[in-house]
N, C-alpha and C. Protein backbone atom coordinates (compact mmCIF):
# COMPACT_ATOMS: atom_id res chain seq x y z
N MET A 1 97.16 96.70 78.35
CA MET A 1 96.47 96.48 79.62
C MET A 1 96.15 97.83 80.25
N SER A 2 94.90 98.02 80.69
CA SER A 2 94.49 99.29 81.27
C SER A 2 95.06 99.46 82.66
N GLY A 3 95.29 100.73 83.03
CA GLY A 3 95.81 101.03 84.35
C GLY A 3 94.72 100.99 85.40
N LYS A 4 95.12 101.15 86.65
CA LYS A 4 94.19 101.13 87.78
C LYS A 4 93.62 102.52 88.01
N VAL A 5 92.34 102.56 88.38
CA VAL A 5 91.67 103.81 88.73
C VAL A 5 91.28 103.73 90.20
N ILE A 6 91.85 104.61 91.00
CA ILE A 6 91.67 104.58 92.45
C ILE A 6 91.15 105.93 92.93
N ALA A 7 90.07 105.91 93.68
CA ALA A 7 89.52 107.14 94.25
C ALA A 7 90.02 107.30 95.67
N ILE A 8 90.50 108.50 95.99
CA ILE A 8 90.95 108.83 97.35
C ILE A 8 89.83 109.62 98.00
N ILE A 9 89.20 109.06 99.03
CA ILE A 9 88.00 109.65 99.62
C ILE A 9 88.20 109.84 101.12
N SER A 10 87.28 110.60 101.73
CA SER A 10 87.42 110.82 103.17
C SER A 10 86.10 110.97 103.91
N GLY A 11 85.12 111.60 103.30
CA GLY A 11 83.91 111.97 104.05
C GLY A 11 84.11 113.34 104.66
N LYS A 12 84.88 113.43 105.71
CA LYS A 12 85.15 114.71 106.35
C LYS A 12 86.24 115.48 105.61
N GLY A 13 86.09 116.77 105.52
CA GLY A 13 87.12 117.61 104.91
C GLY A 13 88.25 117.90 105.89
N GLY A 14 89.40 118.27 105.35
CA GLY A 14 90.51 118.70 106.19
C GLY A 14 91.31 117.60 106.85
N VAL A 15 91.18 116.36 106.36
CA VAL A 15 91.93 115.26 106.98
C VAL A 15 93.24 114.97 106.26
N GLY A 16 93.52 115.70 105.17
CA GLY A 16 94.78 115.51 104.44
C GLY A 16 94.65 114.69 103.18
N LYS A 17 93.45 114.58 102.66
CA LYS A 17 93.20 113.73 101.48
C LYS A 17 93.96 114.23 100.25
N THR A 18 93.91 115.52 99.98
CA THR A 18 94.58 116.07 98.80
C THR A 18 96.10 115.92 98.92
N THR A 19 96.63 116.16 100.10
CA THR A 19 98.07 116.00 100.31
C THR A 19 98.49 114.54 100.15
N VAL A 20 97.69 113.63 100.66
CA VAL A 20 97.97 112.20 100.50
C VAL A 20 97.93 111.82 99.03
N THR A 21 96.94 112.34 98.30
CA THR A 21 96.83 112.03 96.87
C THR A 21 98.10 112.45 96.13
N ALA A 22 98.56 113.67 96.38
CA ALA A 22 99.76 114.17 95.72
C ALA A 22 100.99 113.35 96.08
N ASN A 23 101.14 113.01 97.35
CA ASN A 23 102.30 112.25 97.78
C ASN A 23 102.27 110.82 97.31
N LEU A 24 101.10 110.20 97.32
CA LEU A 24 100.98 108.84 96.82
C LEU A 24 101.29 108.79 95.33
N GLY A 25 100.78 109.76 94.59
CA GLY A 25 101.08 109.82 93.15
C GLY A 25 102.56 110.01 92.89
N ALA A 26 103.18 110.88 93.66
CA ALA A 26 104.61 111.11 93.50
C ALA A 26 105.42 109.86 93.82
N ALA A 27 105.03 109.14 94.88
CA ALA A 27 105.75 107.93 95.27
C ALA A 27 105.66 106.87 94.17
N LEU A 28 104.46 106.70 93.59
CA LEU A 28 104.29 105.72 92.52
C LEU A 28 105.10 106.12 91.28
N ALA A 29 105.09 107.41 90.96
CA ALA A 29 105.83 107.89 89.80
C ALA A 29 107.34 107.71 89.99
N LEU A 30 107.82 107.95 91.20
CA LEU A 30 109.24 107.77 91.48
C LEU A 30 109.66 106.30 91.40
N ARG A 31 108.70 105.41 91.51
CA ARG A 31 108.98 103.98 91.38
C ARG A 31 108.83 103.50 89.94
N GLY A 32 108.58 104.44 89.02
CA GLY A 32 108.57 104.08 87.61
C GLY A 32 107.21 104.00 86.95
N ALA A 33 106.12 104.20 87.69
CA ALA A 33 104.79 104.13 87.10
C ALA A 33 104.40 105.47 86.48
N ARG A 34 103.57 105.41 85.43
CA ARG A 34 103.00 106.62 84.85
C ARG A 34 101.71 106.92 85.61
N VAL A 35 101.65 108.10 86.22
CA VAL A 35 100.57 108.43 87.14
C VAL A 35 99.90 109.74 86.74
N ILE A 36 98.58 109.76 86.79
CA ILE A 36 97.84 111.00 86.61
C ILE A 36 96.93 111.21 87.81
N LEU A 37 96.94 112.41 88.34
CA LEU A 37 96.07 112.80 89.45
C LEU A 37 94.92 113.60 88.87
N VAL A 38 93.70 113.21 89.20
CA VAL A 38 92.51 113.89 88.70
C VAL A 38 91.84 114.61 89.85
N ASP A 39 91.77 115.93 89.77
CA ASP A 39 91.09 116.72 90.79
C ASP A 39 89.60 116.73 90.47
N ALA A 40 88.81 116.02 91.29
CA ALA A 40 87.37 115.92 91.05
C ALA A 40 86.57 116.93 91.87
N ASP A 41 87.25 117.81 92.57
CA ASP A 41 86.54 118.80 93.40
C ASP A 41 86.25 120.05 92.57
N ILE A 42 85.27 119.93 91.69
CA ILE A 42 84.93 121.02 90.77
C ILE A 42 84.40 122.21 91.55
N GLY A 43 84.97 123.37 91.28
CA GLY A 43 84.58 124.60 91.98
C GLY A 43 85.45 124.93 93.17
N LEU A 44 86.14 123.93 93.72
CA LEU A 44 87.01 124.15 94.88
C LEU A 44 88.32 123.39 94.71
N ARG A 45 88.93 123.52 93.54
CA ARG A 45 90.16 122.76 93.28
C ARG A 45 91.30 123.24 94.17
N ASN A 46 92.12 122.30 94.59
CA ASN A 46 93.30 122.61 95.41
C ASN A 46 94.52 121.78 95.04
N LEU A 47 94.30 120.71 94.30
CA LEU A 47 95.43 119.82 93.98
C LEU A 47 96.51 120.54 93.19
N ASP A 48 96.11 121.49 92.33
CA ASP A 48 97.10 122.25 91.57
C ASP A 48 97.97 123.10 92.48
N LEU A 49 97.39 123.65 93.54
CA LEU A 49 98.17 124.44 94.50
C LEU A 49 99.14 123.56 95.28
N VAL A 50 98.67 122.41 95.70
CA VAL A 50 99.51 121.48 96.45
C VAL A 50 100.72 121.05 95.63
N MET A 51 100.51 120.91 94.32
CA MET A 51 101.60 120.47 93.44
C MET A 51 102.40 121.63 92.85
N GLY A 52 101.99 122.86 93.12
CA GLY A 52 102.70 124.01 92.59
C GLY A 52 102.51 124.20 91.10
N LEU A 53 101.34 123.81 90.57
CA LEU A 53 101.09 123.87 89.13
C LEU A 53 99.97 124.83 88.76
N GLU A 54 99.57 125.67 89.69
CA GLU A 54 98.40 126.54 89.43
C GLU A 54 98.62 127.51 88.29
N SER A 55 99.86 127.93 88.05
CA SER A 55 100.13 128.89 86.99
C SER A 55 100.20 128.26 85.61
N ARG A 56 100.14 126.94 85.53
CA ARG A 56 100.28 126.25 84.25
C ARG A 56 98.96 125.71 83.70
N ILE A 57 97.86 126.00 84.39
CA ILE A 57 96.56 125.49 83.95
C ILE A 57 96.06 126.28 82.74
N VAL A 58 95.72 125.57 81.69
CA VAL A 58 95.12 126.18 80.50
C VAL A 58 93.69 125.67 80.34
N HIS A 59 93.50 124.35 80.42
CA HIS A 59 92.18 123.74 80.32
C HIS A 59 91.94 122.88 81.55
N ASP A 60 90.69 122.43 81.72
CA ASP A 60 90.35 121.67 82.92
C ASP A 60 89.48 120.47 82.58
N LEU A 61 89.14 119.71 83.62
CA LEU A 61 88.37 118.48 83.48
C LEU A 61 87.03 118.72 82.79
N VAL A 62 86.32 119.75 83.18
CA VAL A 62 85.00 120.02 82.60
C VAL A 62 85.11 120.32 81.11
N GLN A 63 86.12 121.07 80.72
CA GLN A 63 86.30 121.37 79.29
C GLN A 63 86.61 120.11 78.50
N VAL A 64 87.27 119.14 79.13
CA VAL A 64 87.56 117.87 78.45
C VAL A 64 86.27 117.09 78.22
N VAL A 65 85.44 116.94 79.25
CA VAL A 65 84.23 116.14 79.10
C VAL A 65 83.21 116.83 78.19
N GLU A 66 83.28 118.16 78.10
CA GLU A 66 82.38 118.88 77.20
C GLU A 66 82.87 118.90 75.76
N GLY A 67 84.07 118.36 75.52
CA GLY A 67 84.61 118.28 74.18
C GLY A 67 85.28 119.55 73.70
N PHE A 68 85.50 120.49 74.62
CA PHE A 68 86.16 121.75 74.24
C PHE A 68 87.63 121.52 73.91
N CYS A 69 88.23 120.53 74.55
CA CYS A 69 89.64 120.21 74.28
C CYS A 69 89.86 118.72 74.50
N ALA A 70 90.95 118.21 73.98
CA ALA A 70 91.32 116.81 74.17
C ALA A 70 91.96 116.64 75.55
N PRO A 71 91.91 115.44 76.12
CA PRO A 71 92.52 115.22 77.44
C PRO A 71 93.98 115.65 77.51
N GLU A 72 94.75 115.34 76.45
CA GLU A 72 96.17 115.68 76.48
C GLU A 72 96.43 117.18 76.50
N GLU A 73 95.45 117.99 76.08
CA GLU A 73 95.61 119.44 76.12
C GLU A 73 95.41 119.99 77.53
N ALA A 74 94.69 119.26 78.36
CA ALA A 74 94.41 119.72 79.72
C ALA A 74 95.38 119.14 80.74
N VAL A 75 96.00 118.01 80.41
CA VAL A 75 96.90 117.35 81.35
C VAL A 75 98.21 118.13 81.49
N ILE A 76 98.65 118.29 82.73
CA ILE A 76 99.88 119.04 83.02
C ILE A 76 100.91 118.09 83.62
N ARG A 77 102.12 118.15 83.11
CA ARG A 77 103.20 117.33 83.67
C ARG A 77 103.82 118.05 84.86
N ASP A 78 104.14 117.28 85.89
CA ASP A 78 104.74 117.85 87.09
C ASP A 78 106.10 118.47 86.77
N ARG A 79 106.49 119.48 87.52
CA ARG A 79 107.75 120.18 87.30
C ARG A 79 108.96 119.33 87.66
N HIS A 80 108.79 118.40 88.59
CA HIS A 80 109.94 117.68 89.14
C HIS A 80 109.99 116.21 88.78
N ILE A 81 108.82 115.61 88.56
CA ILE A 81 108.74 114.17 88.31
C ILE A 81 108.08 113.95 86.96
N ASP A 82 108.84 113.48 85.99
CA ASP A 82 108.34 113.38 84.61
C ASP A 82 107.13 112.47 84.47
N ARG A 83 107.05 111.44 85.29
CA ARG A 83 105.96 110.46 85.15
C ARG A 83 104.70 110.84 85.93
N LEU A 84 104.71 111.99 86.56
CA LEU A 84 103.57 112.45 87.35
C LEU A 84 102.84 113.56 86.60
N HIS A 85 101.51 113.44 86.49
CA HIS A 85 100.70 114.39 85.74
C HIS A 85 99.46 114.79 86.53
N LEU A 86 98.87 115.91 86.14
CA LEU A 86 97.66 116.43 86.79
C LEU A 86 96.61 116.81 85.77
N LEU A 87 95.37 116.42 86.04
CA LEU A 87 94.21 116.93 85.30
C LEU A 87 93.41 117.77 86.29
N PRO A 88 93.48 119.10 86.19
CA PRO A 88 92.85 119.97 87.19
C PRO A 88 91.34 120.03 87.04
N ALA A 89 90.67 120.37 88.12
CA ALA A 89 89.23 120.61 88.10
C ALA A 89 88.96 122.03 87.62
N ALA A 90 87.73 122.28 87.21
CA ALA A 90 87.31 123.64 86.88
C ALA A 90 87.08 124.41 88.17
N GLN A 91 87.42 125.68 88.17
CA GLN A 91 87.29 126.49 89.37
C GLN A 91 85.98 127.27 89.40
N THR A 92 85.37 127.50 88.25
CA THR A 92 84.18 128.36 88.20
C THR A 92 82.92 127.58 87.82
N ARG A 93 82.97 126.25 87.91
CA ARG A 93 81.80 125.43 87.60
C ARG A 93 81.37 124.67 88.86
N GLU A 94 80.31 123.87 88.73
CA GLU A 94 79.81 123.10 89.85
C GLU A 94 79.88 121.61 89.53
N HIS A 95 79.68 120.78 90.56
CA HIS A 95 79.77 119.33 90.37
C HIS A 95 78.76 118.83 89.34
N SER A 96 77.65 119.53 89.19
CA SER A 96 76.62 119.12 88.23
C SER A 96 77.07 119.24 86.78
N ALA A 97 78.23 119.89 86.55
CA ALA A 97 78.74 120.04 85.18
C ALA A 97 79.24 118.72 84.61
N VAL A 98 79.43 117.72 85.46
CA VAL A 98 79.95 116.42 85.03
C VAL A 98 79.04 115.32 85.56
N THR A 99 78.77 114.31 84.75
CA THR A 99 77.96 113.17 85.18
C THR A 99 78.85 111.99 85.51
N GLN A 100 78.27 110.99 86.14
CA GLN A 100 79.03 109.79 86.47
C GLN A 100 79.49 109.07 85.21
N ASP A 101 78.64 109.02 84.21
CA ASP A 101 79.02 108.36 82.95
C ASP A 101 80.17 109.09 82.27
N GLU A 102 80.17 110.42 82.34
CA GLU A 102 81.27 111.19 81.74
C GLU A 102 82.58 110.94 82.48
N MET A 103 82.51 110.82 83.80
CA MET A 103 83.72 110.50 84.57
C MET A 103 84.23 109.11 84.24
N ARG A 104 83.31 108.16 84.07
CA ARG A 104 83.72 106.80 83.69
C ARG A 104 84.42 106.81 82.33
N GLY A 105 83.84 107.51 81.37
CA GLY A 105 84.43 107.57 80.04
C GLY A 105 85.79 108.24 80.04
N LEU A 106 85.91 109.33 80.81
CA LEU A 106 87.19 110.04 80.89
C LEU A 106 88.27 109.15 81.50
N CYS A 107 87.95 108.52 82.62
CA CYS A 107 88.95 107.69 83.30
C CYS A 107 89.29 106.45 82.49
N LEU A 108 88.36 105.97 81.69
CA LEU A 108 88.66 104.85 80.80
C LEU A 108 89.72 105.24 79.78
N LEU A 109 89.62 106.46 79.26
CA LEU A 109 90.63 106.96 78.33
C LEU A 109 91.98 107.15 79.02
N LEU A 110 91.95 107.72 80.22
CA LEU A 110 93.20 107.96 80.94
C LEU A 110 93.89 106.65 81.29
N ALA A 111 93.11 105.63 81.62
CA ALA A 111 93.68 104.34 82.02
C ALA A 111 94.42 103.66 80.87
N GLU A 112 94.15 104.10 79.64
CA GLU A 112 94.87 103.53 78.50
C GLU A 112 96.30 104.06 78.41
N ASP A 113 96.54 105.24 79.00
CA ASP A 113 97.85 105.88 78.90
C ASP A 113 98.63 105.90 80.21
N PHE A 114 97.94 105.66 81.33
CA PHE A 114 98.59 105.77 82.63
C PHE A 114 98.41 104.48 83.43
N ASP A 115 99.44 104.15 84.21
CA ASP A 115 99.37 102.97 85.06
C ASP A 115 98.42 103.17 86.24
N TYR A 116 98.39 104.40 86.74
CA TYR A 116 97.51 104.73 87.87
C TYR A 116 96.79 106.05 87.60
N THR A 117 95.48 106.03 87.78
CA THR A 117 94.68 107.24 87.79
C THR A 117 94.17 107.42 89.20
N LEU A 118 94.66 108.44 89.91
CA LEU A 118 94.25 108.70 91.29
C LEU A 118 93.28 109.88 91.30
N ILE A 119 92.07 109.64 91.78
CA ILE A 119 91.04 110.67 91.78
C ILE A 119 90.93 111.28 93.17
N ASP A 120 91.19 112.57 93.27
CA ASP A 120 91.06 113.29 94.53
C ASP A 120 89.60 113.71 94.68
N SER A 121 88.87 113.00 95.52
CA SER A 121 87.43 113.22 95.67
C SER A 121 87.14 114.44 96.55
N PRO A 122 86.03 115.12 96.29
CA PRO A 122 85.59 116.15 97.24
C PRO A 122 85.17 115.50 98.55
N SER A 123 85.17 116.28 99.62
CA SER A 123 84.65 115.76 100.88
C SER A 123 83.13 115.67 100.80
N GLY A 124 82.54 114.99 101.77
CA GLY A 124 81.09 114.84 101.77
C GLY A 124 80.65 113.61 100.99
N ILE A 125 79.33 113.49 100.82
CA ILE A 125 78.76 112.34 100.12
C ILE A 125 77.80 112.79 99.01
N GLY A 126 78.02 113.99 98.50
CA GLY A 126 77.16 114.55 97.47
C GLY A 126 77.54 114.10 96.07
N ARG A 127 77.10 114.89 95.10
CA ARG A 127 77.28 114.52 93.70
C ARG A 127 78.75 114.43 93.32
N GLY A 128 79.58 115.32 93.84
CA GLY A 128 80.99 115.28 93.53
C GLY A 128 81.64 113.99 94.00
N PHE A 129 81.28 113.55 95.19
CA PHE A 129 81.79 112.28 95.71
C PHE A 129 81.34 111.12 94.83
N ARG A 130 80.06 111.12 94.44
CA ARG A 130 79.54 110.03 93.59
C ARG A 130 80.24 110.01 92.24
N ASN A 131 80.53 111.19 91.69
CA ASN A 131 81.26 111.25 90.42
C ASN A 131 82.66 110.66 90.57
N ALA A 132 83.29 110.94 91.71
CA ALA A 132 84.68 110.50 91.92
C ALA A 132 84.78 108.99 92.05
N VAL A 133 83.82 108.36 92.73
CA VAL A 133 83.93 106.91 92.95
C VAL A 133 83.33 106.10 91.79
N ALA A 134 82.54 106.75 90.92
CA ALA A 134 81.89 106.02 89.83
C ALA A 134 82.86 105.24 88.94
N PRO A 135 84.00 105.83 88.52
CA PRO A 135 84.91 105.09 87.63
C PRO A 135 85.94 104.23 88.37
N ALA A 136 85.95 104.27 89.69
CA ALA A 136 87.01 103.63 90.45
C ALA A 136 86.79 102.13 90.58
N SER A 137 87.89 101.39 90.54
CA SER A 137 87.85 99.96 90.82
C SER A 137 88.31 99.69 92.25
N GLN A 138 88.82 100.73 92.90
CA GLN A 138 89.31 100.61 94.27
C GLN A 138 89.24 101.98 94.91
N VAL A 139 89.05 102.01 96.23
CA VAL A 139 89.06 103.28 96.95
C VAL A 139 90.02 103.20 98.12
N ILE A 140 90.59 104.35 98.46
CA ILE A 140 91.41 104.49 99.65
C ILE A 140 90.77 105.58 100.50
N VAL A 141 90.50 105.25 101.75
CA VAL A 141 89.87 106.20 102.67
C VAL A 141 90.96 106.85 103.52
N VAL A 142 90.95 108.17 103.56
CA VAL A 142 91.88 108.92 104.40
C VAL A 142 91.09 109.49 105.58
N THR A 143 91.59 109.25 106.78
CA THR A 143 90.93 109.79 107.96
C THR A 143 91.99 110.13 108.99
N ASN A 144 91.56 110.65 110.12
CA ASN A 144 92.48 110.89 111.25
C ASN A 144 91.81 110.39 112.53
N PRO A 145 92.51 110.40 113.64
CA PRO A 145 91.98 109.73 114.83
C PRO A 145 90.80 110.42 115.51
N SER A 146 90.33 111.55 115.02
CA SER A 146 89.22 112.22 115.70
C SER A 146 87.91 111.46 115.49
N ALA A 147 87.03 111.55 116.46
CA ALA A 147 85.76 110.83 116.39
C ALA A 147 84.91 111.28 115.21
N THR A 148 84.93 112.58 114.89
CA THR A 148 84.12 113.08 113.77
C THR A 148 84.64 112.55 112.44
N ALA A 149 85.96 112.51 112.29
CA ALA A 149 86.53 111.99 111.04
C ALA A 149 86.27 110.50 110.90
N ILE A 150 86.36 109.76 111.99
CA ILE A 150 86.09 108.32 111.97
C ILE A 150 84.65 108.05 111.58
N ARG A 151 83.71 108.80 112.15
CA ARG A 151 82.30 108.60 111.82
C ARG A 151 82.04 108.85 110.35
N ASP A 152 82.60 109.95 109.79
CA ASP A 152 82.38 110.26 108.38
C ASP A 152 83.04 109.23 107.47
N ALA A 153 84.22 108.76 107.88
CA ALA A 153 84.90 107.72 107.08
C ALA A 153 84.07 106.44 107.05
N ASP A 154 83.49 106.08 108.18
CA ASP A 154 82.65 104.89 108.24
C ASP A 154 81.44 105.03 107.32
N ARG A 155 80.91 106.24 107.22
CA ARG A 155 79.76 106.47 106.35
C ARG A 155 80.13 106.28 104.87
N VAL A 156 81.25 106.85 104.43
CA VAL A 156 81.63 106.71 103.02
C VAL A 156 82.04 105.27 102.70
N ILE A 157 82.59 104.57 103.67
CA ILE A 157 82.91 103.16 103.46
C ILE A 157 81.63 102.37 103.20
N GLY A 158 80.60 102.66 103.97
CA GLY A 158 79.33 101.99 103.76
C GLY A 158 78.75 102.25 102.38
N ILE A 159 78.90 103.48 101.89
CA ILE A 159 78.39 103.82 100.56
C ILE A 159 79.15 103.07 99.48
N THR A 160 80.48 103.02 99.59
CA THR A 160 81.27 102.32 98.57
C THR A 160 80.98 100.83 98.56
N GLU A 161 80.73 100.26 99.72
CA GLU A 161 80.37 98.85 99.77
C GLU A 161 79.01 98.61 99.13
N ALA A 162 78.08 99.55 99.35
CA ALA A 162 76.73 99.41 98.81
C ALA A 162 76.71 99.44 97.28
N ILE A 163 77.66 100.13 96.68
CA ILE A 163 77.68 100.22 95.21
C ILE A 163 78.57 99.13 94.59
N GLY A 164 79.07 98.25 95.44
CA GLY A 164 79.77 97.08 94.92
C GLY A 164 81.28 97.17 94.83
N LEU A 165 81.89 98.20 95.39
CA LEU A 165 83.35 98.30 95.37
C LEU A 165 83.95 97.38 96.43
N PRO A 166 85.17 96.89 96.20
CA PRO A 166 85.81 96.01 97.18
C PRO A 166 86.13 96.77 98.46
N PRO A 167 86.41 96.06 99.55
CA PRO A 167 86.77 96.73 100.81
C PRO A 167 87.91 97.72 100.58
N PRO A 168 87.80 98.91 101.14
CA PRO A 168 88.80 99.95 100.86
C PRO A 168 90.09 99.77 101.63
N GLY A 169 91.13 100.43 101.14
CA GLY A 169 92.32 100.61 101.94
C GLY A 169 92.08 101.79 102.87
N LEU A 170 92.84 101.87 103.93
CA LEU A 170 92.66 102.95 104.91
C LEU A 170 94.00 103.58 105.24
N ILE A 171 94.04 104.91 105.19
CA ILE A 171 95.21 105.65 105.65
C ILE A 171 94.80 106.46 106.87
N LEU A 172 95.41 106.14 108.00
CA LEU A 172 95.18 106.90 109.23
C LEU A 172 96.22 108.00 109.27
N ASN A 173 95.80 109.21 108.97
CA ASN A 173 96.71 110.34 108.82
C ASN A 173 96.78 111.15 110.11
N ARG A 174 97.88 111.89 110.26
CA ARG A 174 98.07 112.79 111.40
C ARG A 174 97.95 112.06 112.73
N ALA A 175 98.53 110.87 112.78
CA ALA A 175 98.53 110.09 114.01
C ALA A 175 99.94 110.03 114.56
N ARG A 176 100.05 109.89 115.85
CA ARG A 176 101.36 109.79 116.48
C ARG A 176 101.42 108.52 117.32
N ARG A 177 102.47 107.75 117.12
CA ARG A 177 102.66 106.58 117.95
C ARG A 177 103.06 107.01 119.36
N GLY A 178 102.62 106.23 120.33
CA GLY A 178 103.06 106.47 121.70
C GLY A 178 102.35 107.61 122.38
N VAL A 179 101.44 108.29 121.68
CA VAL A 179 100.70 109.38 122.32
C VAL A 179 99.46 108.81 122.98
N ARG A 180 99.23 109.17 124.19
CA ARG A 180 98.09 108.65 124.93
C ARG A 180 96.80 109.05 124.22
N ARG A 181 95.90 108.09 124.03
CA ARG A 181 94.67 108.36 123.30
C ARG A 181 93.77 109.26 124.10
N ARG A 182 93.30 110.31 123.47
CA ARG A 182 92.42 111.25 124.13
C ARG A 182 90.98 110.76 124.05
N ARG A 183 90.12 111.40 124.81
CA ARG A 183 88.74 110.95 124.93
C ARG A 183 88.04 110.92 123.59
N ARG A 184 88.32 111.89 122.72
CA ARG A 184 87.62 111.98 121.45
C ARG A 184 88.46 111.46 120.27
N HIS A 185 89.48 110.70 120.56
CA HIS A 185 90.30 110.10 119.52
C HIS A 185 90.13 108.59 119.51
N VAL A 186 90.20 108.01 118.33
CA VAL A 186 89.92 106.60 118.14
C VAL A 186 91.14 105.93 117.54
N SER A 187 91.41 104.69 117.92
CA SER A 187 92.56 103.98 117.38
C SER A 187 92.24 103.36 116.04
N CYS A 188 93.31 102.96 115.33
CA CYS A 188 93.15 102.34 114.02
C CYS A 188 92.42 101.01 114.11
N SER A 189 92.38 100.40 115.30
CA SER A 189 91.70 99.12 115.46
C SER A 189 90.21 99.22 115.20
N THR A 190 89.68 100.44 115.19
CA THR A 190 88.27 100.64 114.83
C THR A 190 87.99 100.07 113.45
N PHE A 191 89.00 100.12 112.57
CA PHE A 191 88.85 99.67 111.19
C PHE A 191 89.54 98.33 110.96
N CYS A 192 89.52 97.45 111.97
CA CYS A 192 90.32 96.23 111.89
C CYS A 192 89.92 95.34 110.71
N ARG A 193 88.71 95.49 110.17
CA ARG A 193 88.31 94.65 109.05
C ARG A 193 88.83 95.18 107.73
N PHE A 194 89.51 96.32 107.72
CA PHE A 194 90.03 96.89 106.48
C PHE A 194 91.56 96.82 106.47
N ARG A 195 92.11 96.86 105.25
CA ARG A 195 93.55 96.93 105.07
C ARG A 195 94.02 98.31 105.48
N CYS A 196 94.89 98.38 106.44
CA CYS A 196 95.26 99.68 107.03
C CYS A 196 96.74 99.96 106.85
N TRP A 197 97.03 101.14 106.31
CA TRP A 197 98.42 101.59 106.20
C TRP A 197 98.88 102.13 107.54
N GLU A 198 100.21 102.12 107.74
CA GLU A 198 100.76 102.69 108.96
C GLU A 198 100.42 104.18 109.05
N PRO A 199 100.22 104.70 110.26
CA PRO A 199 100.00 106.13 110.40
C PRO A 199 101.16 106.94 109.84
N PHE A 200 100.85 108.07 109.20
CA PHE A 200 101.88 108.95 108.66
C PHE A 200 102.28 109.96 109.72
N PRO A 201 103.55 109.96 110.16
CA PRO A 201 104.00 111.03 111.05
C PRO A 201 103.88 112.37 110.35
N ARG A 202 103.73 113.42 111.11
CA ARG A 202 103.55 114.74 110.52
C ARG A 202 104.75 115.18 109.69
N THR A 203 105.94 114.69 110.04
CA THR A 203 107.12 115.13 109.32
C THR A 203 107.33 114.37 108.01
N THR A 204 106.57 113.29 107.79
CA THR A 204 106.78 112.49 106.59
C THR A 204 106.10 113.10 105.38
N ILE A 205 104.89 113.61 105.56
CA ILE A 205 104.14 114.19 104.45
C ILE A 205 104.10 115.69 104.59
N SER A 206 104.57 116.37 103.58
CA SER A 206 104.60 117.82 103.60
C SER A 206 103.30 118.38 103.07
N SER A 207 102.71 119.32 103.82
CA SER A 207 101.46 119.95 103.37
C SER A 207 101.70 121.40 102.95
N SER A 208 102.96 121.78 102.80
CA SER A 208 103.27 123.16 102.42
C SER A 208 104.06 123.18 101.13
N MET A 209 103.52 122.50 100.10
CA MET A 209 104.23 122.41 98.83
C MET A 209 104.03 123.68 98.01
N THR A 210 105.06 124.11 97.34
CA THR A 210 104.98 125.28 96.49
C THR A 210 105.52 124.93 95.12
N ALA A 211 105.55 125.92 94.23
CA ALA A 211 106.03 125.67 92.86
C ALA A 211 107.50 125.27 92.84
N ARG A 212 108.21 125.51 93.94
CA ARG A 212 109.64 125.19 93.95
C ARG A 212 109.94 123.88 94.66
N THR A 213 108.90 123.17 95.12
CA THR A 213 109.15 121.93 95.85
C THR A 213 108.50 120.76 95.15
N SER A 214 109.06 119.58 95.42
CA SER A 214 108.47 118.35 94.90
C SER A 214 107.37 117.91 95.84
N PRO A 215 106.28 117.28 95.32
CA PRO A 215 105.19 116.87 96.19
C PRO A 215 105.63 115.96 97.32
N TRP A 216 106.45 114.96 97.02
CA TRP A 216 106.94 114.08 98.08
C TRP A 216 108.25 114.62 98.59
N ARG A 217 108.36 114.79 99.88
CA ARG A 217 109.62 115.26 100.45
C ARG A 217 110.68 114.22 100.18
N THR A 218 111.68 114.55 99.40
CA THR A 218 112.69 113.58 98.99
C THR A 218 114.03 113.87 99.63
N THR A 219 114.85 112.82 99.71
CA THR A 219 116.22 112.95 100.18
C THR A 219 117.13 112.35 99.13
N ARG A 220 117.94 113.21 98.48
CA ARG A 220 118.82 112.77 97.41
C ARG A 220 118.03 112.07 96.30
N GLY A 221 116.84 112.60 95.99
CA GLY A 221 116.07 112.09 94.88
C GLY A 221 115.25 110.86 95.18
N ARG A 222 115.26 110.38 96.43
CA ARG A 222 114.51 109.18 96.76
C ARG A 222 113.42 109.50 97.77
N PRO A 223 112.32 108.70 97.80
CA PRO A 223 111.29 108.91 98.81
C PRO A 223 111.89 108.72 100.19
N PRO A 224 111.31 109.36 101.22
CA PRO A 224 111.86 109.23 102.56
C PRO A 224 111.71 107.81 103.07
N ALA A 225 112.59 107.45 104.00
CA ALA A 225 112.50 106.14 104.62
C ALA A 225 111.21 106.05 105.41
N ARG A 226 110.78 104.80 105.64
CA ARG A 226 109.49 104.62 106.31
C ARG A 226 109.47 105.32 107.66
N HIS A 227 110.55 105.20 108.40
CA HIS A 227 110.63 105.90 109.68
C HIS A 227 112.00 106.55 109.77
N SER A 228 112.12 107.75 109.29
CA SER A 228 113.41 108.45 109.32
C SER A 228 113.70 108.92 110.73
N ALA A 229 114.93 109.39 110.94
CA ALA A 229 115.31 109.90 112.24
C ALA A 229 114.42 111.08 112.62
N ALA A 230 114.13 111.93 111.66
CA ALA A 230 113.27 113.09 111.95
C ALA A 230 111.88 112.62 112.35
N SER A 231 111.37 111.56 111.71
CA SER A 231 110.05 111.05 112.05
C SER A 231 110.03 110.48 113.46
N ARG A 232 111.12 109.78 113.82
CA ARG A 232 111.16 109.20 115.16
C ARG A 232 111.22 110.25 116.24
N ARG A 233 111.81 111.42 115.91
CA ARG A 233 111.89 112.50 116.90
C ARG A 233 110.59 113.24 117.04
N ALA A 234 109.68 113.13 116.01
CA ALA A 234 108.44 113.90 116.01
C ALA A 234 107.51 113.42 117.12
């Protein structure tokens, strides 16, 4: 049975999409699933830095689709979680180096070996975004409460619906409960027609991962509780 292919998208840059991708992948892997994270931001890769794997890159996604190497030669296993893997993007190429059909074929191969293929999409709605959502059977939209992020998220949701993907999941990132809503901030109820995850407190997801840390902030080898004491104090 083939695994699931999920694109993590946002529209606006800087909302925490790459960090969410790494943490979601780590959480699934810690629960026993075989997970591969695919960095689709060709030319501006960052997922390797977030995971602390930048020094271990030998081959990349573009070299795989061009036939220069096999997928298993480019895939990197995480330092801390055996079931978590990364396929890095090329740093010196452009999004035009890969087509939508090539992304579909690549993810079809990966889905034979992994339970989850999580694609970290570039921001925006250009060719890189289209490549990222082409092989996906589901998308998760990451946004934050700012009006600009909400507007861009609404735009990418419209595009995914137009191409026939099911209604997306939504992660409202960098939100705080109990904080009075500011004039330019929007509540999660804006997306009431979508499946919405609870807001992530700032202390739950770490955005300062290095080669010596695990992507998901763990306590005694387990994912953090949904609302830890530290989260409640934040």
